[in-house]
Structure formats: structure tokens, C-alpha cells
C-alpha atoms as a PDB file:
ATOM      1  CA  MET A   1    -174.651   7.444 142.272  1.00  0.00           C
ATOM      2  CA  ASN A   2    -173.668   7.980 146.760  1.00  0.00           C
ATOM      3  CA  ILE A   3    -172.618  11.467 147.885  1.00  0.00           C
ATOM      4  CA  GLU A   4    -168.939  10.834 147.557  1.00  0.00           C
ATOM      5  CA  GLU A   5    -168.871   9.866 143.794  1.00  0.00           C
ATOM      6  CA  LEU A   6    -171.021  12.904 143.406  1.00  0.00           C
ATOM      7  CA  GLU A   7    -168.368  15.278 145.342  1.00  0.00           C
ATOM      8  CA  SER A   8    -165.220  13.759 143.340  1.00  0.00           C
ATOM      9  CA  ARG A   9    -167.586  14.167 139.740  1.00  0.00           C
ATOM     10  CA  ARG A  10    -168.235  18.062 140.771  1.00  0.00           C
ATOM     11  CA  THR A  11    -165.046  19.944 139.407  1.00  0.00           C
ATOM     12  CA  ASP A  12    -166.335  23.015 141.296  1.00  0.00           C
ATOM     13  CA  LEU A  13    -165.900  21.063 144.803  1.00  0.00           C
ATOM     14  CA  SER A  14    -162.334  21.053 145.884  1.00  0.00           C
ATOM     15  CA  THR A  15    -160.643  18.216 148.331  1.00  0.00           C
ATOM     16  CA  PHE A  16    -158.540  20.946 149.662  1.00  0.00           C
ATOM     17  CA  LEU A  17    -158.620  24.460 151.995  1.00  0.00           C
ATOM     18  CA  VAL A  18    -155.891  26.425 151.172  1.00  0.00           C
ATOM     19  CA  HIS A  19    -154.251  29.596 153.860  1.00  0.00           C
ATOM     20  CA  LEU A  20    -152.512  32.013 151.607  1.00  0.00           C
ATOM     21  CA  ILE A  21    -149.980  34.331 153.185  1.00  0.00           C
ATOM     22  CA  LYS A  22    -150.560  37.804 152.904  1.00  0.00           C
ATOM     23  CA  LYS A  23    -148.594  40.541 151.922  1.00  0.00           C
ATOM     24  CA  GLN A  24    -147.078  42.594 154.856  1.00  0.00           C
ATOM     25  CA  ASP A  25    -144.616  45.304 154.604  1.00  0.00           C
ATOM     26  CA  GLY A  26    -141.289  44.232 156.045  1.00  0.00           C
ATOM     27  CA  GLN A  27    -142.301  40.741 155.978  1.00  0.00           C
ATOM     28  CA  ASN A  28    -140.768  37.802 153.409  1.00  0.00           C
ATOM     29  CA  PRO A  29    -143.692  35.386 152.371  1.00  0.00           C
ATOM     30  CA  PHE A  30    -141.159  32.723 152.240  1.00  0.00           C
ATOM     31  CA  ASP A  31    -139.757  33.396 155.893  1.00  0.00           C
ATOM     32  CA  THR A  32    -143.098  33.468 156.706  1.00  0.00           C
ATOM     33  CA  LEU A  33    -143.909  29.792 154.952  1.00  0.00           C
ATOM     34  CA  LEU A  34    -140.731  28.723 156.818  1.00  0.00           C
ATOM     35  CA  LYS A  35    -141.709  29.767 160.384  1.00  0.00           C
ATOM     36  CA  ILE A  36    -145.004  28.073 159.736  1.00  0.00           C
ATOM     37  CA  VAL A  37    -143.142  24.601 158.792  1.00  0.00           C
ATOM     38  CA  GLN A  38    -141.093  24.856 161.357  1.00  0.00           C
ATOM     39  CA  ASP A  39    -143.680  26.098 164.194  1.00  0.00           C
ATOM     40  CA  ASN A  40    -145.913  23.297 163.177  1.00  0.00           C
ATOM     41  CA  LYS A  41    -148.956  25.372 163.035  1.00  0.00           C
ATOM     42  CA  LEU A  42    -150.667  28.675 161.536  1.00  0.00           C
ATOM     43  CA  ILE A  43    -151.262  31.504 164.063  1.00  0.00           C
ATOM     44  CA  ALA A  44    -154.486  32.786 164.189  1.00  0.00           C
ATOM     45  CA  GLY A  45    -154.250  36.388 163.101  1.00  0.00           C
ATOM     46  CA  ALA A  46    -156.747  39.309 163.236  1.00  0.00           C
ATOM     47  CA  PRO A  47    -160.272  38.878 165.177  1.00  0.00           C
ATOM     48  CA  PHE A  48    -163.043  38.352 162.640  1.00  0.00           C
ATOM     49  CA  GLY A  49    -167.095  38.937 162.708  1.00  0.00           C
ATOM     50  CA  PRO A  50    -169.529  40.912 163.829  1.00  0.00           C
ATOM     51  CA  ALA A  51    -168.791  40.952 167.320  1.00  0.00           C
ATOM     52  CA  VAL A  52    -165.393  42.478 167.161  1.00  0.00           C
ATOM     53  CA  ALA A  53    -166.648  46.105 167.016  1.00  0.00           C
ATOM     54  CA  GLU A  54    -169.051  45.812 169.735  1.00  0.00           C
ATOM     55  CA  LEU A  55    -166.215  43.722 172.255  1.00  0.00           C
ATOM     56  CA  THR A  56    -163.573  46.176 171.551  1.00  0.00           C
ATOM     57  CA  SER A  57    -165.837  49.083 172.248  1.00  0.00           C
ATOM     58  CA  ARG A  58    -166.802  48.068 175.279  1.00  0.00           C
ATOM     59  CA  GLY A  59    -163.219  47.228 176.522  1.00  0.00           C
ATOM     60  CA  PHE A  60    -163.758  43.135 176.152  1.00  0.00           C
ATOM     61  CA  SER A  61    -160.755  40.894 174.334  1.00  0.00           C
ATOM     62  CA  THR A  62    -161.276  40.527 171.037  1.00  0.00           C
ATOM     63  CA  ASP A  63    -159.188  37.327 171.316  1.00  0.00           C
ATOM     64  CA  SER A  64    -162.153  34.496 170.894  1.00  0.00           C
ATOM     65  CA  GLN A  65    -162.285  35.902 167.441  1.00  0.00           C
ATOM     66  CA  ARG A  66    -159.126  35.123 165.872  1.00  0.00           C
ATOM     67  CA  ALA A  67    -159.076  32.975 163.772  1.00  0.00           C
ATOM     68  CA  VAL A  68    -156.990  31.139 160.565  1.00  0.00           C
ATOM     69  CA  CYS A  69    -158.454  31.616 157.326  1.00  0.00           C
ATOM     70  CA  PHE A  70    -158.788  29.473 154.086  1.00  0.00           C
ATOM     71  CA  THR A  71    -160.096  29.515 150.638  1.00  0.00           C
ATOM     72  CA  GLU A  72    -162.164  26.116 149.197  1.00  0.00           C
ATOM     73  CA  THR A  73    -161.007  27.486 145.753  1.00  0.00           C
ATOM     74  CA  PRO A  74    -159.975  24.606 143.605  1.00  0.00           C
ATOM     75  CA  LEU A  75    -156.219  23.985 143.325  1.00  0.00           C
ATOM     76  CA  GLU A  76    -156.187  25.157 139.708  1.00  0.00           C
ATOM     77  CA  HIS A  77    -158.017  28.061 140.637  1.00  0.00           C
ATOM     78  CA  VAL A  78    -156.131  29.555 143.761  1.00  0.00           C
ATOM     79  CA  HIS A  79    -153.372  31.853 141.902  1.00  0.00           C
ATOM     80  CA  LEU A  80    -156.513  33.603 140.898  1.00  0.00           C
ATOM     81  CA  MET A  81    -156.408  34.984 144.502  1.00  0.00           C
ATOM     82  CA  THR A  82    -153.081  36.495 143.791  1.00  0.00           C
ATOM     83  CA  SER A  83    -153.964  38.623 140.548  1.00  0.00           C
ATOM     84  CA  SER A  84    -153.948  41.978 139.732  1.00  0.00           C
ATOM     85  CA  LEU A  85    -157.786  41.205 139.503  1.00  0.00           C
ATOM     86  CA  THR A  86    -157.888  41.488 143.568  1.00  0.00           C
ATOM     87  CA  GLU A  87    -155.818  44.898 143.663  1.00  0.00           C
ATOM     88  CA  ARG A  88    -158.895  46.491 145.354  1.00  0.00           C
ATOM     89  CA  ARG A  89    -158.704  44.177 148.719  1.00  0.00           C
ATOM     90  CA  GLN A  90    -157.574  45.374 151.564  1.00  0.00           C
ATOM     91  CA  CYS A  91    -155.166  42.463 152.155  1.00  0.00           C
ATOM     92  CA  GLN A  92    -153.427  41.198 149.311  1.00  0.00           C
ATOM     93  CA  PHE A  93    -151.810  37.426 149.072  1.00  0.00           C
ATOM     94  CA  THR A  94    -148.539  35.837 147.671  1.00  0.00           C
ATOM     95  CA  ASP A  95    -147.875  32.752 146.180  1.00  0.00           C
ATOM     96  CA  PHE A  96    -147.071  31.567 149.087  1.00  0.00           C
ATOM     97  CA  GLY A  97    -149.131  29.433 151.475  1.00  0.00           C
ATOM     98  CA  VAL A  98    -150.271  26.267 153.434  1.00  0.00           C
ATOM     99  CA  VAL A  99    -152.922  23.263 151.783  1.00  0.00           C
ATOM    100  CA  ILE A 100    -154.391  20.846 153.912  1.00  0.00           C
ATOM    101  CA  THR A 101    -157.587  18.541 152.835  1.00  0.00           C
ATOM    102  CA  LYS A 102    -160.936  19.325 154.250  1.00  0.00           C
ATOM    103  CA  GLU A 103    -161.267  16.051 156.290  1.00  0.00           C
ATOM    104  CA  GLN A 104    -158.016  17.054 157.935  1.00  0.00           C
ATOM    105  CA  GLY A 105    -159.794  20.806 158.279  1.00  0.00           C
ATOM    106  CA  LEU A 106    -163.018  19.517 159.926  1.00  0.00           C
ATOM    107  CA  ASP A 107    -160.791  17.213 162.225  1.00  0.00           C
ATOM    108  CA  ARG A 108    -159.365  20.883 163.607  1.00  0.00           C
ATOM    109  CA  ALA A 109    -162.955  22.370 163.865  1.00  0.00           C
ATOM    110  CA  ALA A 110    -162.945  24.355 160.307  1.00  0.00           C
ATOM    111  CA  ASN A 111    -166.101  25.776 159.102  1.00  0.00           C
ATOM    112  CA  PRO A 112    -167.179  27.479 156.067  1.00  0.00           C
ATOM    113  CA  ILE A 113    -168.554  30.962 156.687  1.00  0.00           C
ATOM    114  CA  TRP A 114    -172.181  31.756 156.667  1.00  0.00           C
ATOM    115  CA  TYR A 115    -172.959  35.217 154.306  1.00  0.00           C
ATOM    116  CA  THR A 116    -175.353  37.223 155.072  1.00  0.00           C
ATOM    117  CA  ASP A 117    -176.567  39.600 153.129  1.00  0.00           C
ATOM    118  CA  ILE A 118    -176.717  43.671 154.015  1.00  0.00           C
ATOM    119  CA  ASN A 119    -177.883  45.140 150.613  1.00  0.00           C
ATOM    120  CA  PRO A 120    -180.448  47.302 150.759  1.00  0.00           C
ATOM    121  CA  GLY A 121    -184.188  46.791 151.294  1.00  0.00           C
ATOM    122  CA  LYS A 122    -183.449  43.072 153.176  1.00  0.00           C
ATOM    123  CA  SER A 123    -184.521  42.115 156.172  1.00  0.00           C
ATOM    124  CA  PHE A 124    -181.012  41.545 157.435  1.00  0.00           C
ATOM    125  CA  LEU A 125    -180.406  38.211 159.053  1.00  0.00           C
ATOM    126  CA  SER A 126    -177.155  39.682 160.655  1.00  0.00           C
ATOM    127  CA  LYS A 127    -179.706  42.121 163.014  1.00  0.00           C
ATOM    128  CA  HIS A 128    -180.826  39.367 165.106  1.00  0.00           C
ATOM    129  CA  ILE A 129    -176.872  38.105 165.579  1.00  0.00           C
ATOM    130  CA  GLU A 130    -176.220  41.793 166.806  1.00  0.00           C
ATOM    131  CA  LYS A 131    -178.977  41.827 169.177  1.00  0.00           C
ATOM    132  CA  ILE A 132    -177.728  38.440 170.624  1.00  0.00           C
ATOM    133  CA  ILE A 133    -174.207  39.856 170.895  1.00  0.00           C
ATOM    134  CA  ASP A 134    -175.634  43.109 172.339  1.00  0.00           C
ATOM    135  CA  GLU A 135    -177.983  41.483 174.980  1.00  0.00           C
ATOM    136  CA  ALA A 136    -174.711  38.963 176.071  1.00  0.00           C
ATOM    137  CA  LEU A 137    -172.407  42.332 176.744  1.00  0.00           C
ATOM    138  CA  LEU A 138    -175.078  43.998 178.618  1.00  0.00           C
ATOM    139  CA  SER A 139    -174.925  41.217 180.918  1.00  0.00           C
ATOM    140  CA  ASN A 140    -170.972  41.397 180.847  1.00  0.00           C
ATOM    141  CA  ASN A 141    -171.187  37.701 179.435  1.00  0.00           C
ATOM    142  CA  GLU A 142    -168.250  37.660 176.899  1.00  0.00           C
ATOM    143  CA  LEU A 143    -168.124  33.710 177.294  1.00  0.00           C
ATOM    144  CA  HIS A 144    -171.586  33.732 175.988  1.00  0.00           C
ATOM    145  CA  PRO A 145    -172.446  30.980 173.303  1.00  0.00           C
ATOM    146  CA  VAL A 146    -172.531  33.392 170.812  1.00  0.00           C
ATOM    147  CA  PHE A 147    -168.903  34.755 170.793  1.00  0.00           C
ATOM    148  CA  SER A 148    -167.954  31.013 169.699  1.00  0.00           C
ATOM    149  CA  LEU A 149    -170.198  31.423 166.448  1.00  0.00           C
ATOM    150  CA  THR A 150    -169.321  35.080 165.781  1.00  0.00           C
ATOM    151  CA  PRO A 151    -165.879  34.407 163.910  1.00  0.00           C
ATOM    152  CA  PHE A 152    -167.858  32.360 161.091  1.00  0.00           C
ATOM    153  CA  PHE A 153    -170.113  35.345 160.189  1.00  0.00           C
ATOM    154  CA  GLU A 154    -169.238  37.804 157.357  1.00  0.00           C
ATOM    155  CA  GLN A 155    -171.528  40.334 155.818  1.00  0.00           C
ATOM    156  CA  PHE A 156    -172.171  41.009 151.751  1.00  0.00           C
ATOM    157  CA  GLY A 157    -173.821  44.076 150.070  1.00  0.00           C
ATOM    158  CA  LYS A 158    -173.351  47.431 149.069  1.00  0.00           C
ATOM    159  CA  GLY A 159    -175.795  50.807 149.718  1.00  0.00           C
ATOM    160  CA  ILE A 160    -175.518  53.911 152.016  1.00  0.00           C
ATOM    161  CA  ASN A 161    -174.702  54.059 155.582  1.00  0.00           C
ATOM    162  CA  THR A 162    -177.563  55.796 157.128  1.00  0.00           C
ATOM    163  CA  MET A 163    -175.704  56.761 159.747  1.00  0.00           C
ATOM    164  CA  THR A 164    -172.399  58.387 158.247  1.00  0.00           C
ATOM    165  CA  GLY A 165    -174.160  59.111 154.775  1.00  0.00           C
ATOM    166  CA  GLN A 166    -171.059  57.130 153.203  1.00  0.00           C
ATOM    167  CA  SER A 167    -171.277  54.002 150.854  1.00  0.00           C
ATOM    168  CA  TYR A 168    -170.428  50.702 151.376  1.00  0.00           C
ATOM    169  CA  ARG A 169    -169.331  47.768 149.225  1.00  0.00           C
ATOM    170  CA  LYS A 170    -168.541  44.332 150.800  1.00  0.00           C
ATOM    171  CA  ASP A 171    -168.622  41.202 149.106  1.00  0.00           C
ATOM    172  CA  PHE A 172    -166.029  38.155 149.553  1.00  0.00           C
ATOM    173  CA  ARG A 173    -168.346  35.206 148.729  1.00  0.00           C
ATOM    174  CA  TRP A 174    -165.956  34.706 145.579  1.00  0.00           C
ATOM    175  CA  GLU A 175    -163.211  32.946 147.858  1.00  0.00           C
ATOM    176  CA  ARG A 176    -165.445  30.630 149.714  1.00  0.00           C
ATOM    177  CA  GLU A 177    -163.786  31.325 152.933  1.00  0.00           C
ATOM    178  CA  TRP A 178    -163.862  28.562 155.734  1.00  0.00           C
ATOM    179  CA  ARG A 179    -161.868  29.464 158.878  1.00  0.00           C
ATOM    180  CA  ILE A 180    -160.478  27.847 162.575  1.00  0.00           C
ATOM    181  CA  ALA A 181    -161.436  29.815 165.449  1.00  0.00           C
ATOM    182  CA  GLY A 182    -157.938  30.045 167.088  1.00  0.00           C
ATOM    183  CA  ASP A 183    -154.723  28.452 166.285  1.00  0.00           C
ATOM    184  CA  CYS A 184    -154.491  25.535 163.572  1.00  0.00           C
ATOM    185  CA  ALA A 185    -151.791  22.525 164.510  1.00  0.00           C
ATOM    186  CA  LEU A 186    -150.854  21.207 161.189  1.00  0.00           C
ATOM    187  CA  PRO A 187    -151.220  17.839 160.009  1.00  0.00           C
ATOM    188  CA  MET A 188    -148.343  15.159 159.683  1.00  0.00           C
ATOM    189  CA  ARG A 189    -148.952  15.486 156.197  1.00  0.00           C
ATOM    190  CA  TYR A 190    -149.584  18.602 153.975  1.00  0.00           C
ATOM    191  CA  ILE A 191    -149.080  20.495 150.622  1.00  0.00           C
ATOM    192  CA  VAL A 192    -147.117  23.861 150.517  1.00  0.00           C
ATOM    193  CA  PHE A 193    -147.494  26.687 147.866  1.00  0.00           C
ATOM    194  CA  CYS A 194    -143.900  27.950 147.205  1.00  0.00           C
ATOM    195  CA  PRO A 195    -142.667  29.141 143.649  1.00  0.00           C
ATOM    196  CA  GLU A 196    -140.536  26.880 142.115  1.00  0.00           C
ATOM    197  CA  ASP A 197    -137.408  28.778 142.539  1.00  0.00           C
ATOM    198  CA  PHE A 198    -137.922  28.331 146.096  1.00  0.00           C
ATOM    199  CA  ARG A 199    -138.040  25.052 146.144  1.00  0.00           C
ATOM    200  CA  TYR A 200    -134.154  23.776 146.791  1.00  0.00           C
ATOM    201  CA  LYS A 201    -134.030  26.857 149.308  1.00  0.00           C
ATOM    202  CA  PHE A 202    -137.190  25.337 151.293  1.00  0.00           C
ATOM    203  CA  TYR A 203    -136.233  21.997 151.373  1.00  0.00           C
ATOM    204  CA  ARG A 204    -132.404  22.575 152.243  1.00  0.00           C
ATOM    205  CA  THR A 205    -133.435  24.613 155.115  1.00  0.00           C
ATOM    206  CA  MET A 206    -135.952  22.329 156.379  1.00  0.00           C
ATOM    207  CA  GLN A 207    -134.018  19.109 156.324  1.00  0.00           C
ATOM    208  CA  ASP A 208    -131.230  21.112 158.129  1.00  0.00           C
ATOM    209  CA  PHE A 209    -133.692  22.284 160.992  1.00  0.00           C
ATOM    210  CA  TRP A 210    -135.060  18.858 161.177  1.00  0.00           C
ATOM    211  CA  LYS A 211    -131.641  17.441 161.665  1.00  0.00           C
ATOM    212  CA  ALA A 212    -130.906  19.792 164.762  1.00  0.00           C
ATOM    213  CA  GLN A 213    -134.184  18.502 166.564  1.00  0.00           C
ATOM    214  CA  PRO A 214    -134.305  15.814 169.204  1.00  0.00           C
ATOM    215  CA  MET A 215    -136.202  13.035 167.106  1.00  0.00           C
ATOM    216  CA  PRO A 216    -135.261  14.341 163.545  1.00  0.00           C
ATOM    217  CA  ASP A 217    -136.414  11.515 161.449  1.00  0.00           C
ATOM    218  CA  TYR A 218    -139.777  12.664 162.755  1.00  0.00           C
ATOM    219  CA  HIS A 219    -141.077  15.517 160.759  1.00  0.00           C
ATOM    220  CA  PRO A 220    -144.016  15.929 158.824  1.00  0.00           C
ATOM    221  CA  ASP A 221    -144.531  14.655 154.855  1.00  0.00           C
ATOM    222  CA  ILE A 222    -144.469  17.877 153.059  1.00  0.00           C
ATOM    223  CA  GLN A 223    -145.470  17.916 149.389  1.00  0.00           C
ATOM    224  CA  MET A 224    -144.562  21.229 147.431  1.00  0.00           C
ATOM    225  CA  LEU A 225    -146.600  22.847 144.400  1.00  0.00           C
ATOM    226  CA  ASP A 226    -146.096  26.158 142.722  1.00  0.00           C
ATOM    227  CA  ILE A 227    -149.454  27.780 142.731  1.00  0.00           C
ATOM    228  CA  ASN A 228    -148.949  28.898 138.883  1.00  0.00           C
ATOM    229  CA  TRP A 229    -148.623  25.468 137.400  1.00  0.00           C
ATOM    230  CA  SER A 230    -151.614  23.445 135.805  1.00  0.00           C
ATOM    231  CA  LEU A 231    -154.047  21.158 137.610  1.00  0.00           C
ATOM    232  CA  GLU A 232    -152.031  18.396 135.172  1.00  0.00           C
ATOM    233  CA  ARG A 233    -148.698  19.476 136.639  1.00  0.00           C
ATOM    234  CA  MET A 234    -149.655  19.350 140.273  1.00  0.00           C
ATOM    235  CA  ILE A 235    -151.229  15.669 139.886  1.00  0.00           C
ATOM    236  CA  SER A 236    -148.139  14.445 138.115  1.00  0.00           C
ATOM    237  CA  HIS A 237    -145.844  15.945 140.613  1.00  0.00           C
ATOM    238  CA  LEU A 238    -147.859  14.842 143.747  1.00  0.00           C
ATOM    239  CA  ALA A 239    -147.839  11.018 142.104  1.00  0.00           C
ATOM    240  CA  ASN A 240    -143.990  11.760 141.927  1.00  0.00           C
ATOM    241  CA  LEU A 241    -144.321  11.330 137.915  1.00  0.00           C
ATOM    242  CA  LYS A 242    -141.387  12.694 135.749  1.00  0.00           C
END
């Protein structure tokens, strides 16, 4: 059995990377989805990784740490990312999003996150990264190669902060996150997650938008799925079966 066949038989390994739109006060996720499709790209949002705090404290820009986030959760389980079970998260996800293949992601320099253990009693791997960050900043070198790596690190663990005495708990390994540093241009063929009730409005709005462009016949081929559909229904829809 070759690696391609092995991967195709592993139901826990997804072919896709999913970017879910977050809930934000004053913003309609449907409108956000329309803007993403019209702009033909995902805009890198907040900066991520262990370098952000140090860059900020020393007055350096954190733009190099901004990234677009994805999950490699299989499509039939993505709806769990928006369930009430995730209410403790600081950010909540909506039923709207963009789906690309892993191959398309790799073409855009996507990488899985490296989760490093910060549970008490461990020799933290993250301390070595922090040391390199400190050395780079002491020399005022914000272009140091380490800053191209740091957006792809996250920590997990729980315990008591020895400096503040406060307890901490952080563990998002279950999200199986990937990131692309900087903005992500969308391919000519991809999938969007959009609730079924919004399908007609989405297509009508986008058709009107594309018709108004200088090259109205040149636009992405977009398939639409509802995040709450079963896998079988997703497959039948993608295959254009009634």
C-alpha cells in the first residue's frame, strides 16, 4: 500500500483545510463571507505565537506574526467547532467559512501548528524558542529568521504561573490547526460553508458582483456546503447528484 492509498483510507485525516469565520460584535458573518469571496483572499488577522508579546513590549511591529488560521478537522466533524461545547473559548466560530484542499494550502505555504508542552515538571521546548527570540531582539534584529517560524508555535498545558500565582489552562490541540503567515489568496476552485437558507442570496449577490467586473466570465468555481449536513449529503452535493 502506497502513502496516497493509506491516506485515502484514514478517515481521521482530512483532504481539506477549513477557515471558519468568527463571531464578532457588529459584524454579519454572511457579509464577511461575501467580502472574502469578492476580494478573492483571506486577510491575516491577529498576530500569533510566542514572539508577539516580546515584539510588542519592545516597540517592534507584529505584522510578521499575523496569520490566517485553518483546521484540518474532517468536513463531517467541522460543525463541532461551532457547538455549545466550545463556549469557553475566547472566540466563537460561525457556520460560515472557506474550505481549500491541503494541496492548495501547501502551495500557499500553509503549515500545521507545532504545539509545545508547558505542563509543570516538563523541560519546556518553548524555552529554547523564547531564548532565540530574546537574542534576536537584543540585537534589534526584527528580521531574524526565527520570526518566520514563531507564528507556527502554540503552547498547551495547565498549572500555576510562578510569576503571578494565577492558574492557567491552554490546550487547543484538538483544533488541529494550520496557519498561513500573511494573507491567503484563494484558488480558482474552492468550497464555502454557508447555511442552506443563505444559498440563494449568496449566489445571486455573487453573480451580480461578477457581472459588474471587467471580465465577468472569469471568476472562481465555488461549491457551497452547509456545515451541518451529513458527509453523505456533502458528497452527493459536490457530485451534483439529486
